C-alpha atoms as a PDB file:
ATOM      1  CA  LEU A   1       3.441  12.465  33.057  1.00  0.00           C
ATOM      2  CA  SER A   2       5.087   9.258  31.971  1.00  0.00           C
ATOM      3  CA  VAL A   3       3.809   7.422  29.047  1.00  0.00           C
ATOM      4  CA  ALA A   4       4.905   3.762  28.223  1.00  0.00           C
ATOM      5  CA  MET A   5       5.872   3.142  24.530  1.00  0.00           C
ATOM      6  CA  ALA A   6       6.021  -0.057  22.602  1.00  0.00           C
ATOM      7  CA  SER A   7       6.837  -0.756  19.068  1.00  0.00           C
ATOM      8  CA  VAL A   8       4.110  -2.058  16.654  1.00  0.00           C
ATOM      9  CA  ASP A   9       6.400  -5.094  16.080  1.00  0.00           C
ATOM     10  CA  SER A  10       6.267  -6.043  19.713  1.00  0.00           C
ATOM     11  CA  LEU A  11       2.541  -5.539  19.948  1.00  0.00           C
ATOM     12  CA  TRP A  12       1.828  -7.578  16.824  1.00  0.00           C
ATOM     13  CA  PRO A  13       4.529 -10.304  16.697  1.00  0.00           C
ATOM     14  CA  ASP A  14       2.601 -12.841  14.522  1.00  0.00           C
ATOM     15  CA  GLY A  15       0.069 -12.880  11.801  1.00  0.00           C
ATOM     16  CA  GLN A  16      -1.215 -10.379   9.267  1.00  0.00           C
ATOM     17  CA  LEU A  17      -2.106  -6.725  10.170  1.00  0.00           C
ATOM     18  CA  HIS A  18      -4.862  -5.530   7.803  1.00  0.00           C
ATOM     19  CA  ILE A  19      -4.742  -1.903   8.328  1.00  0.00           C
ATOM     20  CA  LEU A  20      -2.175   0.362  10.088  1.00  0.00           C
ATOM     21  CA  LYS A  21      -3.889   3.739  10.591  1.00  0.00           C
ATOM     22  CA  LEU A  22      -1.321   6.185  12.034  1.00  0.00           C
ATOM     23  CA  SER A  23      -2.488   9.271  13.936  1.00  0.00           C
ATOM     24  CA  VAL A  24       0.566  10.256  15.827  1.00  0.00           C
ATOM     25  CA  THR A  25       1.062  13.868  14.893  1.00  0.00           C
ATOM     26  CA  GLY A  26       4.651  14.151  13.527  1.00  0.00           C
ATOM     27  CA  PHE A  27       5.863  10.689  14.761  1.00  0.00           C
ATOM     28  CA  GLU A  28       4.801   8.720  11.795  1.00  0.00           C
ATOM     29  CA  ILE A  29       8.453   7.828  10.771  1.00  0.00           C
ATOM     30  CA  PRO A  30       9.424   6.502  14.217  1.00  0.00           C
ATOM     31  CA  VAL A  31       6.188   4.516  14.384  1.00  0.00           C
ATOM     32  CA  LEU A  32       7.020   3.054  10.996  1.00  0.00           C
ATOM     33  CA  ARG A  33      10.569   2.151  12.138  1.00  0.00           C
ATOM     34  CA  GLY A  34       8.924   0.387  15.069  1.00  0.00           C
ATOM     35  CA  ALA A  35       6.914  -1.654  12.509  1.00  0.00           C
ATOM     36  CA  GLN A  36       9.791  -2.469  10.204  1.00  0.00           C
ATOM     37  CA  HIS A  37       9.532  -6.184  10.596  1.00  0.00           C
ATOM     38  CA  LEU A  38       5.857  -6.320   9.827  1.00  0.00           C
ATOM     39  CA  LEU A  39       6.451  -4.045   6.906  1.00  0.00           C
ATOM     40  CA  GLN A  40       9.611  -5.783   5.543  1.00  0.00           C
ATOM     41  CA  GLU A  41       7.871  -9.096   5.869  1.00  0.00           C
ATOM     42  CA  MET A  42       4.842  -7.657   3.951  1.00  0.00           C
ATOM     43  CA  ARG A  43       2.435  -8.508   6.828  1.00  0.00           C
ATOM     44  CA  VAL A  44       0.740  -5.267   6.556  1.00  0.00           C
ATOM     45  CA  CYS A  45      -2.007  -4.808   4.000  1.00  0.00           C
ATOM     46  CA  ALA A  46      -2.455  -1.137   4.142  1.00  0.00           C
ATOM     47  CA  VAL A  47      -0.911   1.954   5.865  1.00  0.00           C
ATOM     48  CA  PHE A  48      -2.831   5.311   6.149  1.00  0.00           C
ATOM     49  CA  LEU A  49      -0.992   8.469   6.925  1.00  0.00           C
ATOM     50  CA  SER A  50      -2.273  12.052   7.102  1.00  0.00           C
ATOM     51  CA  MET A  51       0.227  14.035   5.036  1.00  0.00           C
ATOM     52  CA  GLN A  52      -0.567  17.113   7.237  1.00  0.00           C
ATOM     53  CA  LEU A  53       0.870  15.307  10.250  1.00  0.00           C
ATOM     54  CA  VAL A  54       3.763  13.742   8.491  1.00  0.00           C
ATOM     55  CA  THR A  55       4.839  17.176   7.152  1.00  0.00           C
ATOM     56  CA  ILE A  56       5.100  18.817  10.808  1.00  0.00           C
ATOM     57  CA  ASP A  57       8.724  17.735  10.744  1.00  0.00           C
ATOM     58  CA  TRP A  58       9.375  17.247   7.086  1.00  0.00           C
ATOM     59  CA  GLY A  59      13.037  16.806   6.106  1.00  0.00           C
ATOM     60  CA  GLY A  60      12.692  16.965   2.414  1.00  0.00           C
ATOM     61  CA  LEU A  61      14.088  14.289   0.116  1.00  0.00           C
ATOM     62  CA  HIS A  62      15.762  12.483   3.002  1.00  0.00           C
ATOM     63  CA  THR A  63      12.432  12.103   4.790  1.00  0.00           C
ATOM     64  CA  ALA A  64      10.654  11.185   1.631  1.00  0.00           C
ATOM     65  CA  SER A  65      13.318   8.449   0.830  1.00  0.00           C
ATOM     66  CA  GLU A  66      13.163   7.108   4.445  1.00  0.00           C
ATOM     67  CA  LEU A  67       9.338   6.977   4.276  1.00  0.00           C
ATOM     68  CA  LEU A  68       9.476   4.920   1.000  1.00  0.00           C
ATOM     69  CA  GLU A  69      12.207   2.731   2.319  1.00  0.00           C
ATOM     70  CA  LEU A  70      10.017   1.821   5.406  1.00  0.00           C
ATOM     71  CA  MET A  71       7.287   0.561   3.289  1.00  0.00           C
ATOM     72  CA  PRO A  72       8.970  -1.903   0.794  1.00  0.00           C
ATOM     73  CA  GLY A  73       6.981  -3.554  -1.950  1.00  0.00           C
ATOM     74  CA  MET A  74       4.047  -1.248  -1.296  1.00  0.00           C
ATOM     75  CA  ASP A  75       2.358   0.819  -4.037  1.00  0.00           C
ATOM     76  CA  LEU A  76       1.899   4.232  -2.370  1.00  0.00           C
ATOM     77  CA  LEU A  77      -1.115   6.256  -3.405  1.00  0.00           C
ATOM     78  CA  LEU A  78      -1.676   9.867  -2.598  1.00  0.00           C
ATOM     79  CA  TYR A  79      -5.326  10.970  -2.233  1.00  0.00           C
ATOM     80  CA  VAL A  80      -5.813  14.659  -2.443  1.00  0.00           C
ATOM     81  CA  HIS A  81      -9.013  15.900  -0.754  1.00  0.00           C
ATOM     82  CA  SER A  82      -9.544  19.097  -2.645  1.00  0.00           C
ATOM     83  CA  ASN A  83      -9.992  17.524  -6.077  1.00  0.00           C
ATOM     84  CA  GLN A  84     -10.719  13.986  -4.970  1.00  0.00           C
ATOM     85  CA  SER A  85      -7.800  12.694  -7.208  1.00  0.00           C
ATOM     86  CA  THR A  86      -5.498   9.831  -6.453  1.00  0.00           C
ATOM     87  CA  SER A  87      -1.857   9.622  -7.689  1.00  0.00           C
ATOM     88  CA  ILE A  88       0.826   6.877  -7.478  1.00  0.00           C
ATOM     89  CA  VAL A  89       3.983   7.863  -5.849  1.00  0.00           C
ATOM     90  CA  HIS A  90       6.810   6.633  -8.142  1.00  0.00           C
ATOM     91  CA  SER A  91       9.781   8.241  -6.220  1.00  0.00           C
ATOM     92  CA  ALA A  92      10.997  10.175  -3.222  1.00  0.00           C
ATOM     93  CA  GLU A  93      10.838  13.277  -5.484  1.00  0.00           C
ATOM     94  CA  ASP A  94       7.135  12.742  -6.122  1.00  0.00           C
ATOM     95  CA  LEU A  95       6.536  12.453  -2.365  1.00  0.00           C
ATOM     96  CA  ASN A  96       8.642  15.437  -1.534  1.00  0.00           C
ATOM     97  CA  ARG A  97       6.893  17.608  -4.087  1.00  0.00           C
ATOM     98  CA  PHE A  98       3.516  16.728  -2.641  1.00  0.00           C
ATOM     99  CA  SER A  99       4.649  17.164   0.875  1.00  0.00           C
ATOM    100  CA  LEU A 100       5.977  20.691   0.067  1.00  0.00           C
ATOM    101  CA  GLU A 101       2.565  21.624  -1.411  1.00  0.00           C
ATOM    102  CA  VAL A 102       0.946  20.453   1.871  1.00  0.00           C
ATOM    103  CA  LEU A 103       3.429  22.549   3.832  1.00  0.00           C
ATOM    104  CA  ASN A 104       2.574  25.504   1.731  1.00  0.00           C
ATOM    105  CA  GLY A 105      -1.109  24.989   2.502  1.00  0.00           C
ATOM    106  CA  GLY A 106      -2.007  24.185  -1.081  1.00  0.00           C
ATOM    107  CA  LEU A 107      -3.249  20.520  -0.476  1.00  0.00           C
ATOM    108  CA  ARG A 108      -4.698  18.336   2.100  1.00  0.00           C
ATOM    109  CA  GLY A 109      -4.339  14.609   1.578  1.00  0.00           C
ATOM    110  CA  GLU A 110      -3.520  11.068   2.701  1.00  0.00           C
ATOM    111  CA  LEU A 111      -0.806   8.752   1.895  1.00  0.00           C
ATOM    112  CA  VAL A 112      -1.974   5.125   1.543  1.00  0.00           C
ATOM    113  CA  GLY A 113       0.386   2.260   1.130  1.00  0.00           C
END
């Protein structure tokens, strides 16, 4: 089975993208790389990521740093389902700590940028 792939940037070359909701099971970072022009030009209002899916191929601080670099100028919020709390991600260390908790099965949450 062959599936055609296209970058978000090529699919949305002009204008504002209000919401980028990713449900790509472990391919969130490659998809964000494919949206780098939209993200760098701040033409995306909000990005939603399931942390359970992002952590499938979690590479620790390197992955956390890359994820933050791919969404420049965005305030990143972590929404934790179990206690319905929201936290601001201030650093790659914050994001890595939360991701490790997700990997260990302690938390379920969403990253919103």
